[in-house]
């Protein structure tokens, strides 16, 4: 599949860590809402299949704690959210608000493989107490671990430029 150029095009500076964290906070709120919807839909399906009384018994026994199917659904829902935005417009909703975008060095959208690498390595960055994000403070190009591994960059777009 050919790469598509993102708009606007041009040379843009690397996004700073504060702006990235602000965009992440917005996306966190959206993701929390999405997790609630996925969890509600999953539990509603289980109630339809097993019945309300049986589900209540399972909950009381603690059998619903740590459900691997629900965890898998949440994981793939979160991945789908980020991958869709990153590979099509280069911006999640939080990134749009804060005027930043993920892209390749040539200004094209990242591939699904790059989005997968970004997503998985970003999780690792958080698991290492945020060290992967703080790495941008020492990197000359302000890159995080997931920028490096996915061979992508996060840039700050000029104010007043809107997508067409």
C-alpha atoms as a PDB file:
ATOM      1  CA  UNK A   1       0.000   0.000   0.000  1.00  0.00           C
ATOM      2  CA  UNK A   2       1.499   3.356  -0.987  1.00  0.00           C
ATOM      3  CA  UNK A   3       2.159   5.915   1.715  1.00  0.00           C
ATOM      4  CA  UNK A   4      -0.017   9.008   1.720  1.00  0.00           C
ATOM      5  CA  UNK A   5       1.258  12.476   2.527  1.00  0.00           C
ATOM      6  CA  UNK A   6      -0.261  14.186   5.515  1.00  0.00           C
ATOM      7  CA  UNK A   7      -1.493  17.749   5.373  1.00  0.00           C
ATOM      8  CA  UNK A   8      -0.189  20.275   6.013  1.00  0.00           C
ATOM      9  CA  UNK A   9       3.197  19.419   4.576  1.00  0.00           C
ATOM     10  CA  UNK A  10       6.472  21.033   5.500  1.00  0.00           C
ATOM     11  CA  UNK A  11       9.335  20.961   7.961  1.00  0.00           C
ATOM     12  CA  UNK A  12       7.980  21.126  11.501  1.00  0.00           C
ATOM     13  CA  UNK A  13       9.796  21.130  14.852  1.00  0.00           C
ATOM     14  CA  UNK A  14       9.689  18.115  17.136  1.00  0.00           C
ATOM     15  CA  UNK A  15       6.892  18.188  19.694  1.00  0.00           C
ATOM     16  CA  UNK A  16       7.906  18.792  23.287  1.00  0.00           C
ATOM     17  CA  UNK A  17       7.187  16.450  26.166  1.00  0.00           C
ATOM     18  CA  UNK A  18       4.655  18.735  27.893  1.00  0.00           C
ATOM     19  CA  UNK A  19       2.560  19.038  24.726  1.00  0.00           C
ATOM     20  CA  UNK A  20       2.742  15.254  24.254  1.00  0.00           C
ATOM     21  CA  UNK A  21       1.577  14.633  27.831  1.00  0.00           C
ATOM     22  CA  UNK A  22      -1.296  17.097  27.404  1.00  0.00           C
ATOM     23  CA  UNK A  23      -2.458  15.261  24.266  1.00  0.00           C
ATOM     24  CA  UNK A  24      -2.075  11.935  26.093  1.00  0.00           C
ATOM     25  CA  UNK A  25      -4.316  13.192  28.897  1.00  0.00           C
ATOM     26  CA  UNK A  26      -7.082  14.036  26.402  1.00  0.00           C
ATOM     27  CA  UNK A  27      -6.685  10.631  24.761  1.00  0.00           C
ATOM     28  CA  UNK A  28      -6.667   8.971  28.190  1.00  0.00           C
ATOM     29  CA  UNK A  29     -10.133  10.410  28.873  1.00  0.00           C
ATOM     30  CA  UNK A  30     -11.414   9.127  25.527  1.00  0.00           C
ATOM     31  CA  UNK A  31      -9.833   5.725  26.096  1.00  0.00           C
ATOM     32  CA  UNK A  32     -11.351   5.472  29.588  1.00  0.00           C
ATOM     33  CA  UNK A  33     -14.784   6.081  28.070  1.00  0.00           C
ATOM     34  CA  UNK A  34     -14.095   3.494  25.368  1.00  0.00           C
ATOM     35  CA  UNK A  35     -13.030   0.918  27.966  1.00  0.00           C
ATOM     36  CA  UNK A  36     -16.297   1.493  29.827  1.00  0.00           C
ATOM     37  CA  UNK A  37     -18.307   0.968  26.640  1.00  0.00           C
ATOM     38  CA  UNK A  38     -16.361  -2.183  25.680  1.00  0.00           C
ATOM     39  CA  UNK A  39     -16.693  -3.568  29.208  1.00  0.00           C
ATOM     40  CA  UNK A  40     -20.406  -2.804  29.334  1.00  0.00           C
ATOM     41  CA  UNK A  41     -21.041  -4.407  25.927  1.00  0.00           C
ATOM     42  CA  UNK A  42     -18.998  -7.484  26.877  1.00  0.00           C
ATOM     43  CA  UNK A  43     -20.821  -7.932  30.179  1.00  0.00           C
ATOM     44  CA  UNK A  44     -24.205  -7.398  28.494  1.00  0.00           C
ATOM     45  CA  UNK A  45     -23.361 -10.176  26.023  1.00  0.00           C
ATOM     46  CA  UNK A  46     -22.344 -12.494  28.861  1.00  0.00           C
ATOM     47  CA  UNK A  47     -25.599 -11.781  30.683  1.00  0.00           C
ATOM     48  CA  UNK A  48     -27.539 -12.597  27.499  1.00  0.00           C
ATOM     49  CA  UNK A  49     -25.650 -15.893  27.137  1.00  0.00           C
ATOM     50  CA  UNK A  50     -25.428 -17.076  30.750  1.00  0.00           C
ATOM     51  CA  UNK A  51     -28.291 -15.231  32.405  1.00  0.00           C
ATOM     52  CA  UNK A  52     -28.266 -12.585  35.089  1.00  0.00           C
ATOM     53  CA  UNK A  53     -28.466 -14.991  38.029  1.00  0.00           C
ATOM     54  CA  UNK A  54     -25.489 -17.093  36.851  1.00  0.00           C
ATOM     55  CA  UNK A  55     -23.409 -13.954  36.245  1.00  0.00           C
ATOM     56  CA  UNK A  56     -24.240 -12.735  39.735  1.00  0.00           C
ATOM     57  CA  UNK A  57     -23.081 -16.075  41.181  1.00  0.00           C
ATOM     58  CA  UNK A  58     -19.826 -15.905  39.206  1.00  0.00           C
ATOM     59  CA  UNK A  59     -19.231 -12.322  40.348  1.00  0.00           C
ATOM     60  CA  UNK A  60     -19.843 -13.230  43.996  1.00  0.00           C
ATOM     61  CA  UNK A  61     -17.403 -16.137  43.685  1.00  0.00           C
ATOM     62  CA  UNK A  62     -14.759 -13.845  42.142  1.00  0.00           C
ATOM     63  CA  UNK A  63     -14.739 -15.848  38.915  1.00  0.00           C
ATOM     64  CA  UNK A  64     -15.074 -12.699  36.792  1.00  0.00           C
ATOM     65  CA  UNK A  65     -11.942 -11.060  38.177  1.00  0.00           C
ATOM     66  CA  UNK A  66      -9.075 -10.821  35.689  1.00  0.00           C
ATOM     67  CA  UNK A  67     -11.112 -12.006  32.698  1.00  0.00           C
ATOM     68  CA  UNK A  68      -8.586 -12.639  29.877  1.00  0.00           C
ATOM     69  CA  UNK A  69     -11.235 -12.251  27.164  1.00  0.00           C
ATOM     70  CA  UNK A  70     -12.220  -8.811  28.423  1.00  0.00           C
ATOM     71  CA  UNK A  71      -8.563  -7.822  28.782  1.00  0.00           C
ATOM     72  CA  UNK A  72      -7.925  -8.914  25.194  1.00  0.00           C
ATOM     73  CA  UNK A  73     -10.944  -6.976  23.910  1.00  0.00           C
ATOM     74  CA  UNK A  74      -9.799  -3.850  25.735  1.00  0.00           C
ATOM     75  CA  UNK A  75      -6.232  -4.226  24.452  1.00  0.00           C
ATOM     76  CA  UNK A  76      -7.318  -4.597  20.819  1.00  0.00           C
ATOM     77  CA  UNK A  77      -9.895  -1.795  21.129  1.00  0.00           C
ATOM     78  CA  UNK A  78      -7.218   0.577  22.396  1.00  0.00           C
ATOM     79  CA  UNK A  79      -4.833  -0.524  19.661  1.00  0.00           C
ATOM     80  CA  UNK A  80      -7.524  -0.025  17.006  1.00  0.00           C
ATOM     81  CA  UNK A  81      -8.214   3.502  18.313  1.00  0.00           C
ATOM     82  CA  UNK A  82      -4.594   4.589  18.070  1.00  0.00           C
ATOM     83  CA  UNK A  83      -3.733   2.678  14.889  1.00  0.00           C
ATOM     84  CA  UNK A  84      -6.697   4.133  12.981  1.00  0.00           C
ATOM     85  CA  UNK A  85      -5.830   7.722  13.840  1.00  0.00           C
ATOM     86  CA  UNK A  86      -2.051   7.360  13.487  1.00  0.00           C
ATOM     87  CA  UNK A  87      -2.179   5.631  10.089  1.00  0.00           C
ATOM     88  CA  UNK A  88      -4.841   7.850   8.524  1.00  0.00           C
ATOM     89  CA  UNK A  89      -4.452  11.417   9.791  1.00  0.00           C
ATOM     90  CA  UNK A  90      -1.381  11.103  12.000  1.00  0.00           C
ATOM     91  CA  UNK A  91      -3.371  12.561  14.887  1.00  0.00           C
ATOM     92  CA  UNK A  92      -5.539  11.193  17.639  1.00  0.00           C
ATOM     93  CA  UNK A  93      -8.218  13.542  18.925  1.00  0.00           C
ATOM     94  CA  UNK A  94      -5.924  14.688  21.746  1.00  0.00           C
ATOM     95  CA  UNK A  95      -3.106  15.306  19.273  1.00  0.00           C
ATOM     96  CA  UNK A  96      -5.449  17.408  17.123  1.00  0.00           C
ATOM     97  CA  UNK A  97      -6.318  19.624  20.088  1.00  0.00           C
ATOM     98  CA  UNK A  98      -2.654  20.139  20.979  1.00  0.00           C
ATOM     99  CA  UNK A  99      -1.444  20.570  17.388  1.00  0.00           C
ATOM    100  CA  UNK A 100       0.919  17.615  17.171  1.00  0.00           C
ATOM    101  CA  UNK A 101       1.147  14.769  14.670  1.00  0.00           C
ATOM    102  CA  UNK A 102       2.984  11.477  14.275  1.00  0.00           C
ATOM    103  CA  UNK A 103       4.549  10.955  10.853  1.00  0.00           C
ATOM    104  CA  UNK A 104       7.478   9.549   8.961  1.00  0.00           C
ATOM    105  CA  UNK A 105      10.431  11.848   8.339  1.00  0.00           C
ATOM    106  CA  UNK A 106       9.202  12.439   4.772  1.00  0.00           C
ATOM    107  CA  UNK A 107       5.796  13.695   5.994  1.00  0.00           C
ATOM    108  CA  UNK A 108       3.851  10.533   5.160  1.00  0.00           C
ATOM    109  CA  UNK A 109       1.507   8.655   7.461  1.00  0.00           C
ATOM    110  CA  UNK A 110       2.982   5.784   9.411  1.00  0.00           C
ATOM    111  CA  UNK A 111       2.175   2.197   8.450  1.00  0.00           C
ATOM    112  CA  UNK A 112       0.168  -0.307  10.476  1.00  0.00           C
ATOM    113  CA  UNK A 113       3.433  -2.029  11.424  1.00  0.00           C
ATOM    114  CA  UNK A 114       4.863   1.244  12.712  1.00  0.00           C
ATOM    115  CA  UNK A 115       1.652   1.897  14.653  1.00  0.00           C
ATOM    116  CA  UNK A 116       1.944  -1.568  16.210  1.00  0.00           C
ATOM    117  CA  UNK A 117       5.535  -0.886  17.253  1.00  0.00           C
ATOM    118  CA  UNK A 118       4.600   2.539  18.663  1.00  0.00           C
ATOM    119  CA  UNK A 119       1.728   1.081  20.659  1.00  0.00           C
ATOM    120  CA  UNK A 120       3.646  -1.852  22.149  1.00  0.00           C
ATOM    121  CA  UNK A 121       6.811   0.114  22.935  1.00  0.00           C
ATOM    122  CA  UNK A 122       4.771   2.956  24.470  1.00  0.00           C
ATOM    123  CA  UNK A 123       3.240   0.421  26.864  1.00  0.00           C
ATOM    124  CA  UNK A 124       6.768  -0.704  27.723  1.00  0.00           C
ATOM    125  CA  UNK A 125       7.745   2.916  28.269  1.00  0.00           C
ATOM    126  CA  UNK A 126       4.981   3.337  30.836  1.00  0.00           C
ATOM    127  CA  UNK A 127       5.881   0.033  32.502  1.00  0.00           C
ATOM    128  CA  UNK A 128       9.422   1.392  32.949  1.00  0.00           C
ATOM    129  CA  UNK A 129       7.924   4.257  34.997  1.00  0.00           C
ATOM    130  CA  UNK A 130       7.786   6.577  31.992  1.00  0.00           C
ATOM    131  CA  UNK A 131      11.489   6.305  31.172  1.00  0.00           C
ATOM    132  CA  UNK A 132      10.725   5.800  27.482  1.00  0.00           C
ATOM    133  CA  UNK A 133       8.943   9.152  27.406  1.00  0.00           C
ATOM    134  CA  UNK A 134      11.546  10.960  29.510  1.00  0.00           C
ATOM    135  CA  UNK A 135      14.142   9.750  26.994  1.00  0.00           C
ATOM    136  CA  UNK A 136      13.024  12.662  24.806  1.00  0.00           C
ATOM    137  CA  UNK A 137      14.639  15.072  27.279  1.00  0.00           C
ATOM    138  CA  UNK A 138      18.085  13.677  26.375  1.00  0.00           C
ATOM    139  CA  UNK A 139      17.542  12.929  22.699  1.00  0.00           C
ATOM    140  CA  UNK A 140      18.670  15.726  20.361  1.00  0.00           C
ATOM    141  CA  UNK A 141      15.542  15.255  18.216  1.00  0.00           C
ATOM    142  CA  UNK A 142      13.197  14.888  21.256  1.00  0.00           C
ATOM    143  CA  UNK A 143      12.402  11.269  20.333  1.00  0.00           C
ATOM    144  CA  UNK A 144      10.871   8.782  22.748  1.00  0.00           C
ATOM    145  CA  UNK A 145      11.500   5.045  22.696  1.00  0.00           C
ATOM    146  CA  UNK A 146       8.425   4.435  20.569  1.00  0.00           C
ATOM    147  CA  UNK A 147       9.541   7.130  18.113  1.00  0.00           C
ATOM    148  CA  UNK A 148      12.905   5.419  17.793  1.00  0.00           C
ATOM    149  CA  UNK A 149      11.614   1.861  17.439  1.00  0.00           C
ATOM    150  CA  UNK A 150       8.882   2.761  14.971  1.00  0.00           C
ATOM    151  CA  UNK A 151      11.185   5.084  12.993  1.00  0.00           C
ATOM    152  CA  UNK A 152       8.630   7.872  13.236  1.00  0.00           C
ATOM    153  CA  UNK A 153       8.527  11.343  14.713  1.00  0.00           C
ATOM    154  CA  UNK A 154       6.031  13.537  16.515  1.00  0.00           C
ATOM    155  CA  UNK A 155       6.003  17.100  15.221  1.00  0.00           C
ATOM    156  CA  UNK A 156       4.347  20.297  16.365  1.00  0.00           C
ATOM    157  CA  UNK A 157       2.171  21.832  13.670  1.00  0.00           C
ATOM    158  CA  UNK A 158       1.982  25.620  13.286  1.00  0.00           C
ATOM    159  CA  UNK A 159      -0.984  27.331  14.938  1.00  0.00           C
ATOM    160  CA  UNK A 160      -3.907  28.257  12.755  1.00  0.00           C
ATOM    161  CA  UNK A 161      -3.439  25.401  10.279  1.00  0.00           C
ATOM    162  CA  UNK A 162      -6.435  23.121  10.019  1.00  0.00           C
ATOM    163  CA  UNK A 163      -6.875  19.902   8.086  1.00  0.00           C
ATOM    164  CA  UNK A 164      -8.799  20.127   4.834  1.00  0.00           C
END
